[in-house]
Amino acid sequence: MHAIIPVAGIGTRLRPHTFTHPKVLLNVAGKAILGHIIDKVIAEGVTDATIVVGHMSEKIKDYVRSAYPDFRVDFAEQEMPLGLGHAIYTAREGLDKDPVLIILGDTIFDVDLRPVLRRPVSALGVKAVDDARRFGVAETTDGVITRLVEKPEHPRTNLAVVGLYYIANTPLLRECLDAVVTRDIRTKGEYQLTDVLQMMIDRGERMEPFHVEGWYDCGKPETLLSTNRALLQKHSTYRPMAGVVITEPVYIAPTASLCNCVVGPNTTVGDGAELSEAIVRNSIIGTQARVNRVLLENSIIGNDAIVQGSYKRFNVGDSSELEFQ
């Protein structure tokens, strides 16, 4: 089984972290986002992959080659950010007659793909959401996808396409990718994968939905933190340390140094980070970061960053109200 993993996005909603770091290499629950994805596809039997890179591509290549030396990977360069359809188009040389799994590089999934990968027809992962306007939306009839619409203003269903695609007919996928790009078919200024898949449906390809409940978005700070929380709840990793109070779940890297701290719940502390006299919860602390004499909540501290404060002394009388920020 071959996989295509597009990771060329800039990640503007995660700035300032993505000014200096690719989005897919941000740490979530002790591992890069891309690491969680590669672990998943390997566990599902994927033997090789094409990773579509663009923004800070060398950092991504270095990470994959270092962390997964035995996984067969090649890289396709998307030189211009022209949409997801264009990203898959740049990886079309890896498409032959065998089925392909496409998995987006900014989301983490917890779903058993084995039944999906055994299907004789194409299948798209979907999930019912409260507001489908931010997603590609699938319309279905009798268990078959009949129409795909990219970020509709008035969605006719609440089934969001979550970024997990099993394509059984790869020759037709390649044919439709070529057609969309050569005919310059764009939606909202970009070559959309939903347009490519809709063209496949119009040409007779059967596509079935499969439901994905474990879908974790890493596209913006609040969802990155909620994903960190969800993953930590499945597995907590730390070592007891004198003078440190741990409230699980947490991930504390073996090389992190903590002194006189309260950490957790739902907190990741990266390699080489140093925390002293701090209270940290619901947060992600990057590698080699230093946090001293502060209380942090719902925070993301980048690699090599320094955050330090000071304790205050107050003499407050009866019936007083003090708000300190």
Protein backbone atom coordinates (compact mmCIF):
# COMPACT_ATOMS: atom_id res chain seq x y z
CA MET A 1 0.00 0.00 0.00
CA HIS A 2 1.31 3.40 -1.05
CA ALA A 3 0.45 6.62 0.79
CA ILE A 4 0.59 10.27 -0.19
CA ILE A 5 1.01 12.73 2.67
CA PRO A 6 0.82 16.43 1.67
CA VAL A 7 2.62 18.66 4.19
CA ALA A 8 3.47 21.72 2.10
CA GLY A 9 1.20 24.15 3.96
CA ILE A 10 2.65 27.22 5.62
CA GLY A 11 0.46 27.06 8.71
CA THR A 12 -0.38 30.76 8.98
CA ARG A 13 -2.94 30.16 11.76
CA LEU A 14 -0.17 28.73 13.97
CA ARG A 15 2.11 31.74 13.77
CA PRO A 16 4.47 32.72 15.36
CA HIS A 17 5.50 29.05 15.73
CA THR A 18 5.43 28.41 11.99
CA PHE A 19 7.66 31.37 11.19
CA THR A 20 10.60 29.16 12.14
CA HIS A 21 9.19 25.62 12.19
CA PRO A 22 7.06 23.59 9.77
CA LYS A 23 3.57 23.03 11.14
CA VAL A 24 3.84 19.26 10.82
CA LEU A 25 6.92 19.20 13.07
CA LEU A 26 5.20 20.91 16.02
CA ASN A 27 5.23 18.73 19.13
CA VAL A 28 1.95 17.16 20.23
CA ALA A 29 1.95 14.70 23.15
CA GLY A 30 5.68 14.17 22.85
CA LYS A 31 5.96 13.67 19.10
CA ALA A 32 5.84 15.70 15.90
CA ILE A 33 2.44 15.81 14.20
CA LEU A 34 3.98 14.11 11.17
CA GLY A 35 5.44 11.42 13.42
CA HIS A 36 1.98 10.49 14.70
CA ILE A 37 0.75 10.22 11.10
CA ILE A 38 3.67 8.09 9.87
CA ASP A 39 3.35 5.78 12.88
CA LYS A 40 -0.31 5.31 12.01
CA VAL A 41 0.16 4.50 8.34
CA ILE A 42 3.00 2.07 9.10
CA ALA A 43 0.80 0.32 11.67
CA GLU A 44 -1.95 -0.01 9.02
CA GLY A 45 0.39 -1.79 6.61
CA VAL A 46 1.55 1.08 4.39
CA THR A 47 4.95 0.13 2.97
CA ASP A 48 6.03 3.33 1.22
CA ALA A 49 4.95 6.94 0.90
CA THR A 50 5.35 10.13 -1.07
CA ILE A 51 5.48 13.21 1.12
CA VAL A 52 4.60 16.46 -0.64
CA VAL A 53 6.75 19.23 0.80
CA GLY A 54 7.07 22.96 0.22
CA HIS A 55 7.51 25.33 3.16
CA MET A 56 10.79 24.55 5.02
CA SER A 57 11.08 21.30 3.11
CA GLU A 58 14.62 20.49 4.24
CA LYS A 59 13.59 20.40 7.89
CA ILE A 60 10.82 17.95 7.07
CA LYS A 61 13.12 15.76 5.00
CA ASP A 62 15.74 15.73 7.75
CA TYR A 63 13.15 14.74 10.35
CA VAL A 64 11.70 11.87 8.31
CA ARG A 65 15.08 10.49 7.30
CA SER A 66 16.33 10.63 10.88
CA ALA A 67 13.22 9.36 12.67
CA TYR A 68 12.17 6.74 10.07
CA PRO A 69 15.33 5.49 8.34
CA ASP A 70 13.73 2.16 7.36
CA PHE A 71 10.52 3.58 5.91
CA ARG A 72 10.61 3.98 2.13
CA VAL A 73 9.83 7.61 1.41
CA ASP A 74 10.29 9.90 -1.55
CA PHE A 75 9.53 13.61 -1.63
CA ALA A 76 7.62 15.69 -4.16
CA GLU A 77 8.12 19.46 -4.20
CA GLN A 78 5.07 21.73 -4.42
CA GLU A 79 6.78 24.95 -5.39
CA MET A 80 3.64 27.10 -5.28
CA PRO A 81 0.75 26.80 -2.77
CA LEU A 82 -1.93 26.12 -5.38
CA GLY A 83 -4.22 23.89 -3.34
CA LEU A 84 -4.56 20.31 -2.18
CA GLY A 85 -5.44 19.03 -5.63
CA HIS A 86 -2.23 20.53 -6.95
CA ALA A 87 -0.26 18.96 -4.08
CA ILE A 88 -1.51 15.50 -5.06
CA TYR A 89 -0.84 16.35 -8.71
CA THR A 90 2.84 16.91 -7.89
CA ALA A 91 2.95 13.37 -6.45
CA ARG A 92 1.22 11.75 -9.43
CA GLU A 93 4.36 9.88 -10.56
CA GLY A 94 3.84 7.55 -7.60
CA LEU A 95 0.36 6.60 -8.81
CA ASP A 96 0.07 3.33 -10.71
CA LYS A 97 -2.64 0.68 -10.85
CA ASP A 98 -2.49 -0.08 -7.11
CA PRO A 99 -4.75 1.69 -4.59
CA VAL A 100 -3.42 4.69 -2.71
CA LEU A 101 -4.11 6.18 0.72
CA ILE A 102 -4.06 9.98 0.92
CA ILE A 103 -3.78 11.39 4.44
CA LEU A 104 -3.47 15.09 5.21
CA GLY A 105 -0.45 16.22 7.18
CA ASP A 106 -2.19 18.51 9.68
CA THR A 107 -4.62 16.04 11.20
CA ILE A 108 -4.16 12.97 13.39
CA PHE A 109 -6.57 10.04 13.17
CA ASP A 110 -7.58 7.26 15.49
CA VAL A 111 -9.49 4.83 13.29
CA ASP A 112 -9.03 1.22 12.21
CA LEU A 113 -8.21 1.50 8.51
CA ARG A 114 -7.86 -2.21 7.82
CA PRO A 115 -11.52 -2.74 6.79
CA VAL A 116 -11.30 0.36 4.60
CA LEU A 117 -8.12 -0.77 2.85
CA ARG A 118 -9.77 -4.08 1.98
CA ARG A 119 -12.66 -2.43 0.14
CA PRO A 120 -12.90 -2.93 -3.62
CA VAL A 121 -14.11 0.68 -4.06
CA SER A 122 -12.86 4.10 -3.07
CA ALA A 123 -13.80 5.45 0.37
CA LEU A 124 -13.57 8.85 2.06
CA GLY A 125 -13.39 9.49 5.80
CA VAL A 126 -16.19 11.71 7.08
CA LYS A 127 -17.42 13.03 10.39
CA ALA A 128 -20.60 14.83 11.40
CA VAL A 129 -19.73 18.37 12.55
CA ASP A 130 -21.67 21.31 13.94
CA ASP A 131 -20.50 23.78 11.28
CA ALA A 132 -19.62 22.19 7.94
CA ARG A 133 -18.89 25.48 6.18
CA ARG A 134 -15.17 25.23 7.03
CA PHE A 135 -14.73 21.85 5.31
CA GLY A 136 -15.26 19.88 2.17
CA VAL A 137 -18.72 18.36 2.53
CA ALA A 138 -19.99 14.99 1.30
CA GLU A 139 -23.57 14.45 0.14
CA THR A 140 -24.68 10.81 0.11
CA THR A 141 -27.50 8.65 -1.21
CA ASP A 142 -27.99 5.04 -0.07
CA GLY A 143 -24.49 4.85 1.39
CA VAL A 144 -22.74 6.25 -1.68
CA ILE A 145 -21.16 9.69 -2.04
CA THR A 146 -22.89 11.55 -4.87
CA ARG A 147 -21.50 15.06 -4.49
CA LEU A 148 -18.54 16.82 -2.89
CA VAL A 149 -18.53 20.56 -2.24
CA GLU A 150 -15.59 22.58 -0.95
CA LYS A 151 -16.50 24.87 1.99
CA PRO A 152 -20.10 25.54 0.94
CA GLU A 153 -21.82 28.63 2.26
CA HIS A 154 -25.03 26.65 2.77
CA PRO A 155 -24.06 22.98 3.26
CA ARG A 156 -26.76 20.44 2.52
CA THR A 157 -25.30 17.91 4.97
CA ASN A 158 -23.08 18.04 8.06
CA LEU A 159 -20.67 15.36 6.84
CA ALA A 160 -17.22 16.93 6.73
CA VAL A 161 -14.53 15.23 4.66
CA VAL A 162 -11.79 14.85 7.26
CA GLY A 163 -8.72 14.40 5.07
CA LEU A 164 -8.48 10.62 4.83
CA TYR A 165 -8.97 9.20 1.33
CA TYR A 166 -8.69 5.64 0.06
CA ILE A 167 -8.62 5.65 -3.75
CA ALA A 168 -9.05 2.26 -5.41
CA ASN A 169 -8.96 3.52 -9.02
CA THR A 170 -5.61 5.31 -9.19
CA PRO A 171 -5.46 5.50 -13.02
CA LEU A 172 -8.72 7.48 -12.96
CA LEU A 173 -7.40 9.64 -10.11
CA ARG A 174 -4.35 10.52 -12.17
CA GLU A 175 -6.48 11.19 -15.24
CA CYS A 176 -8.72 13.60 -13.30
CA LEU A 177 -5.77 15.31 -11.63
CA ASP A 178 -4.31 16.00 -15.08
CA ALA A 179 -7.69 17.27 -16.31
CA VAL A 180 -8.23 19.69 -13.41
CA VAL A 181 -4.74 21.20 -13.70
CA THR A 182 -4.44 21.35 -17.51
CA ARG A 183 -7.95 22.83 -17.84
CA ASP A 184 -7.19 25.23 -14.98
CA ILE A 185 -10.30 24.24 -13.02
CA ARG A 186 -10.09 26.17 -9.74
CA THR A 187 -12.36 26.74 -6.79
CA LYS A 188 -11.64 29.69 -4.51
CA GLY A 189 -8.49 30.29 -6.54
CA GLU A 190 -6.96 26.84 -5.98
CA TYR A 191 -6.93 23.36 -7.49
CA GLN A 192 -9.14 21.47 -5.05
CA LEU A 193 -8.97 17.75 -4.39
CA THR A 194 -12.76 17.81 -3.96
CA ASP A 195 -13.08 18.90 -7.62
CA VAL A 196 -10.83 16.02 -8.69
CA LEU A 197 -12.85 13.50 -6.69
CA GLN A 198 -16.14 14.92 -7.98
CA MET A 199 -14.86 14.47 -11.51
CA MET A 200 -14.09 10.85 -10.67
CA ILE A 201 -17.64 10.39 -9.34
CA ASP A 202 -19.07 12.00 -12.50
CA ARG A 203 -17.06 9.51 -14.56
CA GLY A 204 -18.55 6.57 -12.73
CA GLU A 205 -16.24 5.96 -9.75
CA ARG A 206 -18.09 4.63 -6.72
CA MET A 207 -17.07 6.30 -3.47
CA GLU A 208 -18.37 5.27 -0.07
CA PRO A 209 -18.10 7.19 3.21
CA PHE A 210 -16.60 5.71 6.35
CA HIS A 211 -17.06 7.45 9.66
CA VAL A 212 -14.08 8.72 11.65
CA GLU A 213 -14.75 9.66 15.26
CA GLY A 214 -11.12 9.96 16.31
CA TRP A 215 -10.22 13.02 14.23
CA TYR A 216 -7.81 15.50 15.77
CA ASP A 217 -7.19 18.82 14.06
CA CYS A 218 -3.81 20.54 14.47
CA GLY A 219 -4.48 23.59 12.33
CA LYS A 220 -4.70 26.38 14.93
CA PRO A 221 -3.57 26.94 18.54
CA GLU A 222 -6.81 25.94 20.28
CA THR A 223 -7.20 22.74 18.25
CA LEU A 224 -3.52 21.90 18.66
CA LEU A 225 -3.99 22.07 22.42
CA SER A 226 -7.20 20.02 22.30
CA THR A 227 -5.40 17.38 20.22
CA ASN A 228 -2.56 17.36 22.72
CA ARG A 229 -5.11 16.81 25.49
CA ALA A 230 -6.88 13.98 23.64
CA LEU A 231 -3.66 12.12 22.86
CA LEU A 232 -2.28 12.47 26.38
CA GLN A 233 -5.45 10.98 27.83
CA LYS A 234 -4.57 7.74 26.05
CA HIS A 235 -1.04 7.53 27.41
CA SER A 236 0.82 9.48 30.09
CA THR A 237 4.64 9.51 30.15
CA TYR A 238 6.79 10.93 32.95
CA ARG A 239 9.23 10.02 35.70
CA PRO A 240 8.80 10.93 39.37
CA MET A 241 10.94 13.92 40.39
CA ALA A 242 11.60 15.32 43.83
CA GLY A 243 9.86 18.64 44.41
CA VAL A 244 7.63 18.24 41.35
CA VAL A 245 3.88 17.60 41.52
CA ILE A 246 2.48 15.83 38.47
CA THR A 247 -1.20 15.76 37.61
CA GLU A 248 -1.79 13.27 34.82
CA PRO A 249 -2.04 13.03 31.92
CA VAL A 250 1.28 14.54 30.86
CA TYR A 251 4.23 13.89 28.62
CA ILE A 252 7.55 14.94 30.13
CA ALA A 253 10.58 14.18 27.99
CA PRO A 254 13.33 12.16 29.72
CA THR A 255 15.83 14.97 29.14
CA ALA A 256 13.60 17.73 30.56
CA SER A 257 14.65 19.30 33.86
CA LEU A 258 12.00 20.33 36.42
CA CYS A 259 12.45 21.90 39.85
CA ASN A 260 9.77 23.02 42.34
CA CYS A 261 6.98 22.79 39.76
CA VAL A 262 3.36 21.76 39.41
CA VAL A 263 2.79 20.26 35.96
CA GLY A 264 -0.43 19.03 34.39
CA PRO A 265 -2.92 17.98 33.54
CA ASN A 266 -2.78 17.84 29.73
CA THR A 267 0.76 19.18 29.42
CA THR A 268 3.65 18.27 27.12
CA VAL A 269 7.21 19.21 28.07
CA GLY A 270 9.76 18.74 25.29
CA ASP A 271 13.35 17.50 25.24
CA GLY A 272 15.83 19.61 27.14
CA ALA A 273 13.21 22.00 28.51
CA GLU A 274 13.86 23.56 31.91
CA LEU A 275 11.02 24.44 34.29
CA SER A 276 11.54 25.95 37.72
CA GLU A 277 9.11 27.38 40.27
CA ALA A 278 6.33 27.21 37.69
CA ILE A 279 2.75 25.98 37.45
CA VAL A 280 1.89 24.70 33.97
CA ARG A 281 -1.32 23.07 32.80
CA ASN A 282 -3.07 22.45 29.47
CA SER A 283 0.03 23.59 27.62
CA ILE A 284 2.84 22.55 25.27
CA ILE A 285 6.41 23.48 26.19
CA GLY A 286 8.90 23.16 23.32
CA THR A 287 12.35 21.65 23.26
CA GLN A 288 15.09 23.55 25.09
CA ALA A 289 12.55 26.11 26.33
CA ARG A 290 13.05 27.73 29.75
CA VAL A 291 10.07 28.55 31.96
CA ASN A 292 10.67 30.19 35.36
CA ARG A 293 8.40 31.64 38.07
CA VAL A 294 5.17 31.79 36.01
CA LEU A 295 1.73 30.22 35.88
CA LEU A 296 0.88 29.02 32.36
CA GLU A 297 -2.45 27.72 31.12
CA ASN A 298 -3.62 27.00 27.55
CA SER A 299 -0.22 28.11 26.28
CA ILE A 300 2.20 27.03 23.55
CA ILE A 301 5.85 27.87 24.22
CA GLY A 302 8.16 27.44 21.24
CA ASN A 303 11.52 25.73 21.03
CA ASP A 304 14.39 27.60 22.74
CA ALA A 305 11.96 30.23 24.06
CA ILE A 306 12.41 31.83 27.49
CA VAL A 307 9.40 32.71 29.64
CA GLN A 308 10.04 34.09 33.10
CA GLY A 309 8.22 36.25 35.58
CA SER A 310 8.27 37.27 39.19
CA TYR A 311 6.10 36.67 42.24
CA LYS A 312 4.20 39.62 43.67
CA ARG A 313 3.56 40.78 47.21
CA PHE A 314 0.23 42.36 48.13
CA ASN A 315 -1.27 43.82 51.30
CA VAL A 316 -5.00 43.81 50.56
CA GLY A 317 -7.60 44.89 53.10
CA ASP A 318 -11.05 43.51 53.86
CA SER A 319 -13.85 43.78 51.26
CA SER A 320 -11.32 44.61 48.55
CA GLU A 321 -11.17 43.36 44.99
CA LEU A 322 -7.90 42.94 43.13
CA GLU A 323 -7.54 41.84 39.52
CA PHE A 324 -3.97 41.06 38.54
CA GLN A 325 -2.98 40.28 34.94
